[in-house]
């Protein structure tokens, strides 16, 4: 197996939620290539199940693709923040609920071909109304979908967000019928 050795790193941009760097790598036999890498501090996502056996989704406009998506609640980690603390905050901000039962169900890389972003997934159950003010630049609509209908929505292309599909898949192994 071949690992790419970094020869040089050039930081191109640093913003509020990500940085962009270009790495020059050694391919062997004197050949080199470049890799454009988005550095991201990580994020959390929550599959929230209410007492009516419904999954809470948020409908949100996503500027990069110029359309609304149905997604599970999610948000980025603050620097050095424990993912479980971020999960509690983001669930309250985006849905208005706090989970009495919050269980870590897995982690995954969102798009390792160009970013180091890692997503920590949680199952949130036994929900209690306990809202936090949402971020001032975030506008979401809460949608409640029967748990049994979610898979049909994925297959039908009504749920297209990768983190939502991945986390729902992880959660279904933890949710009893």
N, C-alpha and C. Protein backbone atom coordinates (compact mmCIF):
# COMPACT_ATOMS: atom_id res chain seq x y z
N UNK A 1 0.84 -1.19 0.00
CA UNK A 1 0.00 0.00 0.00
C UNK A 1 0.88 1.25 0.00
N UNK A 2 0.48 2.25 -0.73
CA UNK A 2 1.26 3.46 -0.87
C UNK A 2 0.63 4.60 -0.08
N UNK A 3 1.44 5.27 0.72
CA UNK A 3 0.97 6.46 1.43
C UNK A 3 1.61 7.69 0.78
N UNK A 4 0.82 8.75 0.65
CA UNK A 4 1.34 9.97 0.04
C UNK A 4 2.14 10.77 1.07
N UNK A 5 3.37 11.09 0.74
CA UNK A 5 4.24 11.85 1.63
C UNK A 5 4.16 13.33 1.28
N UNK A 6 3.85 14.14 2.27
CA UNK A 6 3.75 15.59 2.06
C UNK A 6 5.14 16.20 2.03
N UNK A 7 5.40 16.94 0.95
CA UNK A 7 6.67 17.64 0.79
C UNK A 7 6.54 19.09 1.26
N UNK A 8 5.40 19.71 0.95
CA UNK A 8 5.19 21.11 1.27
C UNK A 8 3.70 21.36 1.50
N UNK A 9 3.39 22.26 2.40
CA UNK A 9 2.01 22.67 2.66
C UNK A 9 1.92 24.18 2.54
N UNK A 10 0.93 24.65 1.80
CA UNK A 10 0.70 26.10 1.66
C UNK A 10 -0.72 26.40 2.11
N UNK A 11 -0.85 27.24 3.14
CA UNK A 11 -2.15 27.67 3.62
C UNK A 11 -2.67 28.76 2.69
N UNK A 12 -3.84 28.53 2.09
CA UNK A 12 -4.41 29.45 1.11
C UNK A 12 -5.43 30.39 1.74
N UNK A 13 -6.25 29.85 2.64
CA UNK A 13 -7.35 30.63 3.21
C UNK A 13 -7.68 30.10 4.59
N UNK A 14 -7.98 31.01 5.51
CA UNK A 14 -8.49 30.64 6.83
C UNK A 14 -9.75 31.45 7.08
N UNK A 15 -10.85 30.75 7.34
CA UNK A 15 -12.12 31.41 7.60
C UNK A 15 -12.66 31.04 8.98
N UNK A 16 -13.94 31.33 9.19
CA UNK A 16 -14.57 31.05 10.48
C UNK A 16 -14.81 29.56 10.72
N UNK A 17 -15.11 28.82 9.66
CA UNK A 17 -15.44 27.40 9.86
C UNK A 17 -14.50 26.43 9.16
N UNK A 18 -13.62 26.95 8.31
CA UNK A 18 -12.71 26.05 7.60
C UNK A 18 -11.48 26.78 7.13
N UNK A 19 -10.48 25.98 6.78
CA UNK A 19 -9.27 26.50 6.15
C UNK A 19 -9.02 25.68 4.90
N UNK A 20 -8.32 26.28 3.95
CA UNK A 20 -7.96 25.59 2.72
C UNK A 20 -6.45 25.61 2.60
N UNK A 21 -5.89 24.41 2.37
CA UNK A 21 -4.46 24.32 2.16
C UNK A 21 -4.20 23.50 0.90
N UNK A 22 -3.03 23.71 0.32
CA UNK A 22 -2.60 22.90 -0.82
C UNK A 22 -1.33 22.20 -0.41
N UNK A 23 -1.37 20.87 -0.43
CA UNK A 23 -0.20 20.06 -0.12
C UNK A 23 0.44 19.58 -1.42
N UNK A 24 1.75 19.68 -1.49
CA UNK A 24 2.50 19.05 -2.57
C UNK A 24 2.96 17.71 -2.02
N UNK A 25 2.68 16.64 -2.78
CA UNK A 25 3.01 15.30 -2.31
C UNK A 25 3.96 14.60 -3.27
N UNK A 26 4.68 13.65 -2.72
CA UNK A 26 5.60 12.85 -3.51
C UNK A 26 4.89 11.58 -3.97
N UNK A 27 4.98 11.33 -5.28
CA UNK A 27 4.34 10.14 -5.85
C UNK A 27 5.34 9.00 -6.06
N UNK A 28 6.60 9.29 -5.97
CA UNK A 28 7.63 8.29 -6.24
C UNK A 28 8.28 8.57 -7.58
N UNK A 29 9.46 8.04 -7.77
CA UNK A 29 10.21 8.21 -9.02
C UNK A 29 10.37 9.69 -9.38
N UNK A 30 10.45 10.55 -8.36
CA UNK A 30 10.65 11.97 -8.61
C UNK A 30 9.42 12.74 -9.01
N UNK A 31 8.27 12.09 -9.09
CA UNK A 31 7.05 12.77 -9.51
C UNK A 31 6.33 13.34 -8.28
N UNK A 32 5.65 14.48 -8.51
CA UNK A 32 4.88 15.11 -7.45
C UNK A 32 3.47 15.43 -7.96
N UNK A 33 2.59 15.71 -7.03
CA UNK A 33 1.22 16.14 -7.34
C UNK A 33 0.77 17.06 -6.22
N UNK A 34 -0.38 17.69 -6.40
CA UNK A 34 -0.93 18.54 -5.35
C UNK A 34 -2.27 18.00 -4.89
N UNK A 35 -2.59 18.28 -3.66
CA UNK A 35 -3.88 17.93 -3.07
C UNK A 35 -4.45 19.18 -2.41
N UNK A 36 -5.67 19.55 -2.80
CA UNK A 36 -6.37 20.68 -2.18
C UNK A 36 -7.18 20.11 -1.03
N UNK A 37 -6.94 20.61 0.18
CA UNK A 37 -7.53 20.02 1.37
C UNK A 37 -8.26 21.08 2.18
N UNK A 38 -9.51 20.80 2.49
CA UNK A 38 -10.30 21.65 3.37
C UNK A 38 -10.14 21.12 4.79
N UNK A 39 -9.63 21.95 5.66
CA UNK A 39 -9.49 21.60 7.08
C UNK A 39 -10.75 22.07 7.80
N UNK A 40 -11.34 21.18 8.58
CA UNK A 40 -12.58 21.48 9.29
C UNK A 40 -12.48 20.91 10.69
N UNK A 41 -12.94 21.62 11.66
CA UNK A 41 -12.81 21.21 13.06
C UNK A 41 -13.73 20.11 13.53
N UNK A 42 -14.55 19.58 12.65
CA UNK A 42 -15.45 18.51 13.05
C UNK A 42 -16.85 19.00 13.36
N UNK A 43 -17.77 18.06 13.43
CA UNK A 43 -19.17 18.41 13.64
C UNK A 43 -19.90 17.24 14.31
N UNK A 44 -21.12 17.53 14.69
CA UNK A 44 -22.00 16.52 15.29
C UNK A 44 -23.31 16.47 14.51
N UNK A 45 -23.96 15.33 14.56
CA UNK A 45 -25.30 15.21 14.00
C UNK A 45 -26.12 14.30 14.92
N UNK A 46 -27.42 14.55 14.97
CA UNK A 46 -28.27 13.82 15.89
C UNK A 46 -29.50 13.26 15.18
N UNK A 47 -29.72 11.98 15.33
CA UNK A 47 -30.97 11.37 14.90
C UNK A 47 -31.88 11.46 16.12
N UNK A 48 -32.85 12.36 16.06
CA UNK A 48 -33.74 12.60 17.19
C UNK A 48 -35.08 11.90 16.95
N UNK A 49 -35.47 11.08 17.89
CA UNK A 49 -36.71 10.29 17.80
C UNK A 49 -37.65 10.76 18.90
N UNK A 50 -38.82 11.28 18.50
CA UNK A 50 -39.77 11.76 19.51
C UNK A 50 -40.64 10.62 20.03
N UNK A 51 -41.53 10.95 20.98
CA UNK A 51 -42.35 9.91 21.61
C UNK A 51 -43.46 9.38 20.70
N UNK A 52 -43.62 9.97 19.51
CA UNK A 52 -44.59 9.45 18.52
C UNK A 52 -43.89 8.59 17.47
N UNK A 53 -42.64 8.19 17.76
CA UNK A 53 -41.85 7.36 16.86
C UNK A 53 -41.57 8.07 15.53
N UNK A 54 -41.35 9.38 15.63
CA UNK A 54 -41.03 10.19 14.46
C UNK A 54 -39.59 10.71 14.57
N UNK A 55 -38.95 10.79 13.43
CA UNK A 55 -37.60 11.36 13.34
C UNK A 55 -37.76 12.86 13.08
N UNK A 56 -37.01 13.66 13.82
CA UNK A 56 -37.04 15.11 13.62
C UNK A 56 -36.01 15.48 12.55
N UNK A 57 -36.49 16.12 11.51
CA UNK A 57 -35.63 16.63 10.45
C UNK A 57 -35.77 18.14 10.40
N UNK A 58 -34.77 18.79 9.85
CA UNK A 58 -34.87 20.22 9.62
C UNK A 58 -34.78 20.47 8.13
N UNK A 59 -35.61 21.39 7.67
CA UNK A 59 -35.57 21.82 6.27
C UNK A 59 -34.79 23.11 6.25
N UNK A 60 -33.73 23.13 5.43
CA UNK A 60 -32.81 24.25 5.45
C UNK A 60 -32.29 24.53 4.05
N UNK A 61 -32.20 25.81 3.71
CA UNK A 61 -31.64 26.19 2.41
C UNK A 61 -30.13 26.06 2.48
N UNK A 62 -29.55 25.41 1.48
CA UNK A 62 -28.10 25.21 1.40
C UNK A 62 -27.56 25.95 0.20
N UNK A 63 -26.88 27.04 0.45
CA UNK A 63 -26.37 27.93 -0.60
C UNK A 63 -25.47 27.23 -1.61
N UNK A 64 -24.54 26.35 -1.21
CA UNK A 64 -23.67 25.74 -2.22
C UNK A 64 -24.41 24.99 -3.32
N UNK A 65 -25.59 24.43 -2.99
CA UNK A 65 -26.34 23.70 -4.02
C UNK A 65 -27.62 24.41 -4.42
N UNK A 66 -27.87 25.59 -3.83
CA UNK A 66 -29.01 26.46 -4.19
C UNK A 66 -30.36 25.75 -4.08
N UNK A 67 -30.55 25.01 -2.98
CA UNK A 67 -31.85 24.39 -2.76
C UNK A 67 -32.02 24.00 -1.30
N UNK A 68 -33.25 23.68 -0.95
CA UNK A 68 -33.57 23.21 0.40
C UNK A 68 -33.27 21.73 0.51
N UNK A 69 -32.79 21.32 1.67
CA UNK A 69 -32.58 19.91 1.97
C UNK A 69 -33.28 19.55 3.27
N UNK A 70 -33.70 18.31 3.37
CA UNK A 70 -34.15 17.74 4.64
C UNK A 70 -32.96 17.06 5.27
N UNK A 71 -32.66 17.44 6.51
CA UNK A 71 -31.47 16.93 7.19
C UNK A 71 -31.80 16.65 8.65
N UNK A 72 -30.99 15.80 9.26
CA UNK A 72 -31.07 15.68 10.70
C UNK A 72 -30.38 16.91 11.30
N UNK A 73 -30.70 17.27 12.53
CA UNK A 73 -30.02 18.40 13.16
C UNK A 73 -28.52 18.14 13.25
N UNK A 74 -27.74 19.18 13.05
CA UNK A 74 -26.28 19.04 13.06
C UNK A 74 -25.64 20.39 13.29
N UNK A 75 -24.37 20.37 13.63
CA UNK A 75 -23.65 21.62 13.80
C UNK A 75 -22.18 21.35 14.07
N UNK A 76 -21.41 22.40 13.94
CA UNK A 76 -19.97 22.22 14.07
C UNK A 76 -19.53 22.28 15.53
N UNK A 77 -18.39 21.68 15.76
CA UNK A 77 -17.76 21.71 17.08
C UNK A 77 -17.02 23.02 17.27
N UNK A 78 -17.11 23.57 18.45
CA UNK A 78 -16.24 24.69 18.81
C UNK A 78 -14.85 24.11 19.11
N UNK A 79 -13.82 24.91 19.00
CA UNK A 79 -12.46 24.40 19.21
C UNK A 79 -12.33 23.76 20.59
N UNK A 80 -11.90 22.51 20.63
CA UNK A 80 -11.69 21.78 21.88
C UNK A 80 -12.96 21.27 22.54
N UNK A 81 -14.11 21.46 21.92
CA UNK A 81 -15.39 21.08 22.52
C UNK A 81 -15.62 19.58 22.46
N UNK A 82 -16.17 19.04 23.53
CA UNK A 82 -16.57 17.64 23.57
C UNK A 82 -17.78 17.46 22.65
N UNK A 83 -17.75 16.48 21.75
CA UNK A 83 -18.87 16.31 20.82
C UNK A 83 -20.23 16.13 21.49
N UNK A 84 -20.28 15.47 22.64
CA UNK A 84 -21.58 15.28 23.31
C UNK A 84 -22.17 16.61 23.79
N UNK A 85 -21.33 17.54 24.19
CA UNK A 85 -21.80 18.87 24.60
C UNK A 85 -22.35 19.62 23.38
N UNK A 86 -21.63 19.52 22.26
CA UNK A 86 -22.09 20.16 21.03
C UNK A 86 -23.41 19.56 20.57
N UNK A 87 -23.57 18.26 20.73
CA UNK A 87 -24.81 17.59 20.31
C UNK A 87 -26.00 18.12 21.10
N UNK A 88 -25.84 18.30 22.39
CA UNK A 88 -26.92 18.85 23.23
C UNK A 88 -27.29 20.24 22.76
N UNK A 89 -26.29 21.10 22.56
CA UNK A 89 -26.53 22.48 22.13
C UNK A 89 -27.21 22.55 20.77
N UNK A 90 -26.66 21.83 19.80
CA UNK A 90 -27.19 21.90 18.44
C UNK A 90 -28.62 21.34 18.36
N UNK A 91 -28.90 20.29 19.09
CA UNK A 91 -30.26 19.74 19.10
C UNK A 91 -31.24 20.78 19.65
N UNK A 92 -30.87 21.44 20.72
CA UNK A 92 -31.74 22.46 21.31
C UNK A 92 -31.91 23.66 20.37
N UNK A 93 -30.83 24.09 19.72
CA UNK A 93 -30.90 25.24 18.81
C UNK A 93 -31.78 24.95 17.60
N UNK A 94 -31.62 23.77 17.02
CA UNK A 94 -32.29 23.49 15.75
C UNK A 94 -33.68 22.89 15.89
N UNK A 95 -33.95 22.21 17.00
CA UNK A 95 -35.27 21.57 17.15
C UNK A 95 -36.07 22.10 18.34
N UNK A 96 -35.39 22.71 19.30
CA UNK A 96 -36.07 23.15 20.52
C UNK A 96 -36.19 22.05 21.56
N UNK A 97 -35.57 20.90 21.33
CA UNK A 97 -35.67 19.77 22.26
C UNK A 97 -34.31 19.42 22.84
N UNK A 98 -34.38 18.89 24.06
CA UNK A 98 -33.23 18.31 24.74
C UNK A 98 -33.52 16.82 24.90
N UNK A 99 -32.52 16.00 24.79
CA UNK A 99 -32.70 14.56 24.91
C UNK A 99 -32.30 14.09 26.31
N UNK A 100 -33.21 13.40 26.98
CA UNK A 100 -32.84 12.77 28.26
C UNK A 100 -31.96 11.55 28.01
N UNK A 101 -32.05 11.00 26.81
CA UNK A 101 -31.24 9.84 26.44
C UNK A 101 -30.48 10.18 25.16
N UNK A 102 -29.19 10.48 25.30
CA UNK A 102 -28.33 10.83 24.17
C UNK A 102 -27.22 9.79 24.10
N UNK A 103 -27.19 9.06 22.99
CA UNK A 103 -26.26 7.93 22.86
C UNK A 103 -25.38 8.11 21.63
N UNK A 104 -24.07 8.01 21.82
CA UNK A 104 -23.12 8.05 20.71
C UNK A 104 -23.30 6.78 19.89
N UNK A 105 -23.47 6.92 18.57
CA UNK A 105 -23.70 5.75 17.72
C UNK A 105 -22.63 5.54 16.65
N UNK A 106 -21.71 6.47 16.51
CA UNK A 106 -20.64 6.27 15.55
C UNK A 106 -20.07 7.58 15.03
N UNK A 107 -19.03 7.44 14.24
CA UNK A 107 -18.41 8.62 13.61
C UNK A 107 -18.01 8.23 12.19
N UNK A 108 -17.90 9.25 11.35
CA UNK A 108 -17.54 9.02 9.95
C UNK A 108 -16.96 10.29 9.36
N UNK A 109 -16.16 10.11 8.31
CA UNK A 109 -15.63 11.25 7.56
C UNK A 109 -16.63 11.63 6.49
N UNK A 110 -16.88 12.92 6.33
CA UNK A 110 -17.93 13.36 5.42
C UNK A 110 -17.53 13.27 3.95
N UNK A 111 -16.31 13.61 3.62
CA UNK A 111 -15.85 13.60 2.22
C UNK A 111 -14.32 13.57 2.22
N UNK A 112 -13.72 12.42 2.56
CA UNK A 112 -12.27 12.37 2.76
C UNK A 112 -11.43 12.57 1.51
N UNK A 113 -12.07 12.70 0.36
CA UNK A 113 -11.32 13.01 -0.85
C UNK A 113 -10.80 14.44 -0.87
N UNK A 114 -11.43 15.33 -0.06
CA UNK A 114 -10.95 16.72 -0.06
C UNK A 114 -11.04 17.41 1.30
N UNK A 115 -11.59 16.74 2.33
CA UNK A 115 -11.68 17.39 3.64
C UNK A 115 -11.38 16.39 4.76
N UNK A 116 -10.87 16.93 5.88
CA UNK A 116 -10.62 16.09 7.05
C UNK A 116 -11.79 16.12 8.03
N UNK A 117 -12.93 16.70 7.63
CA UNK A 117 -14.08 16.81 8.54
C UNK A 117 -14.53 15.45 9.02
N UNK A 118 -14.67 15.34 10.35
CA UNK A 118 -15.21 14.14 10.97
C UNK A 118 -16.53 14.50 11.63
N UNK A 119 -17.49 13.60 11.52
CA UNK A 119 -18.84 13.82 12.05
C UNK A 119 -19.09 12.79 13.15
N UNK A 120 -19.52 13.26 14.31
CA UNK A 120 -19.87 12.40 15.43
C UNK A 120 -21.39 12.29 15.48
N UNK A 121 -21.91 11.07 15.41
CA UNK A 121 -23.36 10.85 15.31
C UNK A 121 -23.92 10.37 16.65
N UNK A 122 -25.10 10.89 16.96
CA UNK A 122 -25.78 10.55 18.21
C UNK A 122 -27.24 10.18 17.93
N UNK A 123 -27.77 9.31 18.79
CA UNK A 123 -29.19 9.01 18.80
C UNK A 123 -29.77 9.75 20.01
N UNK A 124 -30.76 10.60 19.76
CA UNK A 124 -31.39 11.40 20.81
C UNK A 124 -32.82 10.91 21.01
N UNK A 125 -33.12 10.45 22.22
CA UNK A 125 -34.46 9.95 22.53
C UNK A 125 -34.93 10.54 23.86
N UNK A 126 -36.20 10.32 24.18
CA UNK A 126 -36.83 10.89 25.38
C UNK A 126 -36.66 12.41 25.33
N UNK A 127 -37.25 13.00 24.31
CA UNK A 127 -37.10 14.43 24.06
C UNK A 127 -38.00 15.27 24.96
N UNK A 128 -37.45 16.37 25.44
CA UNK A 128 -38.17 17.32 26.30
C UNK A 128 -38.01 18.70 25.66
N UNK A 129 -39.10 19.44 25.57
CA UNK A 129 -39.04 20.79 25.02
C UNK A 129 -38.13 21.66 25.89
N UNK A 130 -37.08 22.21 25.31
CA UNK A 130 -36.09 23.01 26.02
C UNK A 130 -35.30 23.83 25.00
N UNK A 131 -35.96 24.80 24.34
CA UNK A 131 -35.30 25.50 23.22
C UNK A 131 -34.16 26.43 23.63
N UNK A 132 -33.23 26.57 22.71
CA UNK A 132 -32.18 27.58 22.76
C UNK A 132 -32.38 28.48 21.55
N UNK A 133 -31.91 29.71 21.65
CA UNK A 133 -31.99 30.61 20.49
C UNK A 133 -31.13 30.03 19.37
N UNK A 134 -31.67 29.96 18.16
CA UNK A 134 -30.85 29.49 17.03
C UNK A 134 -29.79 30.52 16.67
N UNK A 135 -28.78 30.07 15.94
CA UNK A 135 -27.78 31.01 15.42
C UNK A 135 -28.49 32.07 14.59
N UNK A 136 -28.01 33.31 14.64
CA UNK A 136 -28.69 34.42 13.98
C UNK A 136 -28.74 34.30 12.46
N UNK A 137 -27.85 33.51 11.88
CA UNK A 137 -27.84 33.35 10.42
C UNK A 137 -28.39 32.00 9.97
N UNK A 138 -29.10 31.33 10.87
CA UNK A 138 -29.60 29.99 10.55
C UNK A 138 -31.13 29.99 10.63
N UNK A 139 -31.75 29.53 9.55
CA UNK A 139 -33.20 29.49 9.48
C UNK A 139 -33.62 28.08 9.09
N UNK A 140 -34.25 27.38 10.02
CA UNK A 140 -34.65 26.00 9.77
C UNK A 140 -36.11 25.81 10.10
N UNK A 141 -36.73 24.89 9.40
CA UNK A 141 -38.11 24.50 9.67
C UNK A 141 -38.08 23.07 10.17
N UNK A 142 -38.72 22.83 11.31
CA UNK A 142 -38.75 21.50 11.90
C UNK A 142 -39.81 20.64 11.20
N UNK A 143 -39.41 19.44 10.80
CA UNK A 143 -40.29 18.49 10.12
C UNK A 143 -40.23 17.18 10.90
N UNK A 144 -41.39 16.61 11.21
CA UNK A 144 -41.45 15.32 11.91
C UNK A 144 -41.94 14.26 10.93
N UNK A 145 -41.13 13.21 10.76
CA UNK A 145 -41.43 12.16 9.78
C UNK A 145 -41.49 10.82 10.50
N UNK A 146 -42.52 10.04 10.22
CA UNK A 146 -42.61 8.70 10.81
C UNK A 146 -41.34 7.92 10.52
N UNK A 147 -40.81 7.28 11.54
CA UNK A 147 -39.56 6.52 11.43
C UNK A 147 -39.60 5.54 10.26
N UNK A 148 -40.74 4.90 10.07
CA UNK A 148 -40.87 3.89 9.03
C UNK A 148 -40.89 4.48 7.62
N UNK A 149 -41.12 5.78 7.49
CA UNK A 149 -41.18 6.42 6.18
C UNK A 149 -39.82 6.95 5.70
N UNK A 150 -38.88 7.10 6.63
CA UNK A 150 -37.59 7.73 6.31
C UNK A 150 -36.84 6.96 5.23
N UNK A 151 -36.79 5.65 5.33
CA UNK A 151 -36.07 4.86 4.33
C UNK A 151 -36.67 5.05 2.94
N UNK A 152 -38.00 5.08 2.86
CA UNK A 152 -38.67 5.32 1.57
C UNK A 152 -38.28 6.68 1.01
N UNK A 153 -38.16 7.68 1.88
CA UNK A 153 -37.79 9.03 1.44
C UNK A 153 -36.36 9.07 0.90
N UNK A 154 -35.48 8.28 1.50
CA UNK A 154 -34.10 8.22 1.00
C UNK A 154 -34.09 7.59 -0.39
N UNK A 155 -34.77 6.47 -0.53
CA UNK A 155 -34.81 5.76 -1.82
C UNK A 155 -35.46 6.63 -2.89
N UNK A 156 -36.47 7.41 -2.51
CA UNK A 156 -37.18 8.26 -3.46
C UNK A 156 -36.41 9.55 -3.78
N UNK A 157 -35.29 9.78 -3.12
CA UNK A 157 -34.51 10.99 -3.38
C UNK A 157 -35.03 12.21 -2.67
N UNK A 158 -35.91 12.04 -1.70
CA UNK A 158 -36.44 13.18 -0.94
C UNK A 158 -35.47 13.58 0.17
N UNK A 159 -34.63 12.66 0.62
CA UNK A 159 -33.56 12.94 1.57
C UNK A 159 -32.26 12.67 0.81
N UNK A 160 -31.48 13.75 0.58
CA UNK A 160 -30.28 13.65 -0.24
C UNK A 160 -28.99 13.94 0.53
N UNK A 161 -29.09 14.40 1.73
CA UNK A 161 -27.94 14.80 2.52
C UNK A 161 -27.18 13.58 3.03
N UNK A 162 -25.87 13.53 2.74
CA UNK A 162 -25.05 12.38 3.08
C UNK A 162 -24.96 12.09 4.56
N UNK A 163 -24.77 13.12 5.40
CA UNK A 163 -24.66 12.87 6.84
C UNK A 163 -25.97 12.32 7.39
N UNK A 164 -27.08 12.78 6.83
CA UNK A 164 -28.40 12.31 7.28
C UNK A 164 -28.57 10.84 6.93
N UNK A 165 -28.22 10.47 5.72
CA UNK A 165 -28.35 9.08 5.29
C UNK A 165 -27.42 8.19 6.11
N UNK A 166 -26.18 8.61 6.32
CA UNK A 166 -25.23 7.81 7.09
C UNK A 166 -25.67 7.64 8.54
N UNK A 167 -26.06 8.74 9.17
CA UNK A 167 -26.44 8.67 10.59
C UNK A 167 -27.74 7.89 10.79
N UNK A 168 -28.69 8.04 9.86
CA UNK A 168 -29.93 7.25 9.96
C UNK A 168 -29.61 5.76 9.86
N UNK A 169 -28.69 5.41 8.99
CA UNK A 169 -28.29 4.01 8.86
C UNK A 169 -27.68 3.51 10.18
N UNK A 170 -26.81 4.31 10.79
CA UNK A 170 -26.23 3.94 12.08
C UNK A 170 -27.31 3.82 13.15
N UNK A 171 -28.25 4.75 13.17
CA UNK A 171 -29.27 4.79 14.21
C UNK A 171 -30.23 3.62 14.15
N UNK A 172 -30.55 3.16 12.96
CA UNK A 172 -31.54 2.10 12.83
C UNK A 172 -31.09 0.81 13.54
N UNK A 173 -29.80 0.66 13.76
CA UNK A 173 -29.30 -0.51 14.49
C UNK A 173 -29.50 -0.35 16.00
N UNK A 174 -29.88 0.84 16.44
CA UNK A 174 -30.05 1.12 17.87
C UNK A 174 -31.50 1.38 18.26
N UNK A 175 -32.36 1.61 17.27
CA UNK A 175 -33.76 1.93 17.55
C UNK A 175 -34.58 0.65 17.55
N UNK A 176 -35.30 0.45 18.64
CA UNK A 176 -36.17 -0.74 18.68
C UNK A 176 -37.46 -0.46 17.91
N UNK A 177 -38.07 -1.51 17.42
CA UNK A 177 -39.27 -1.38 16.58
C UNK A 177 -40.44 -0.80 17.26
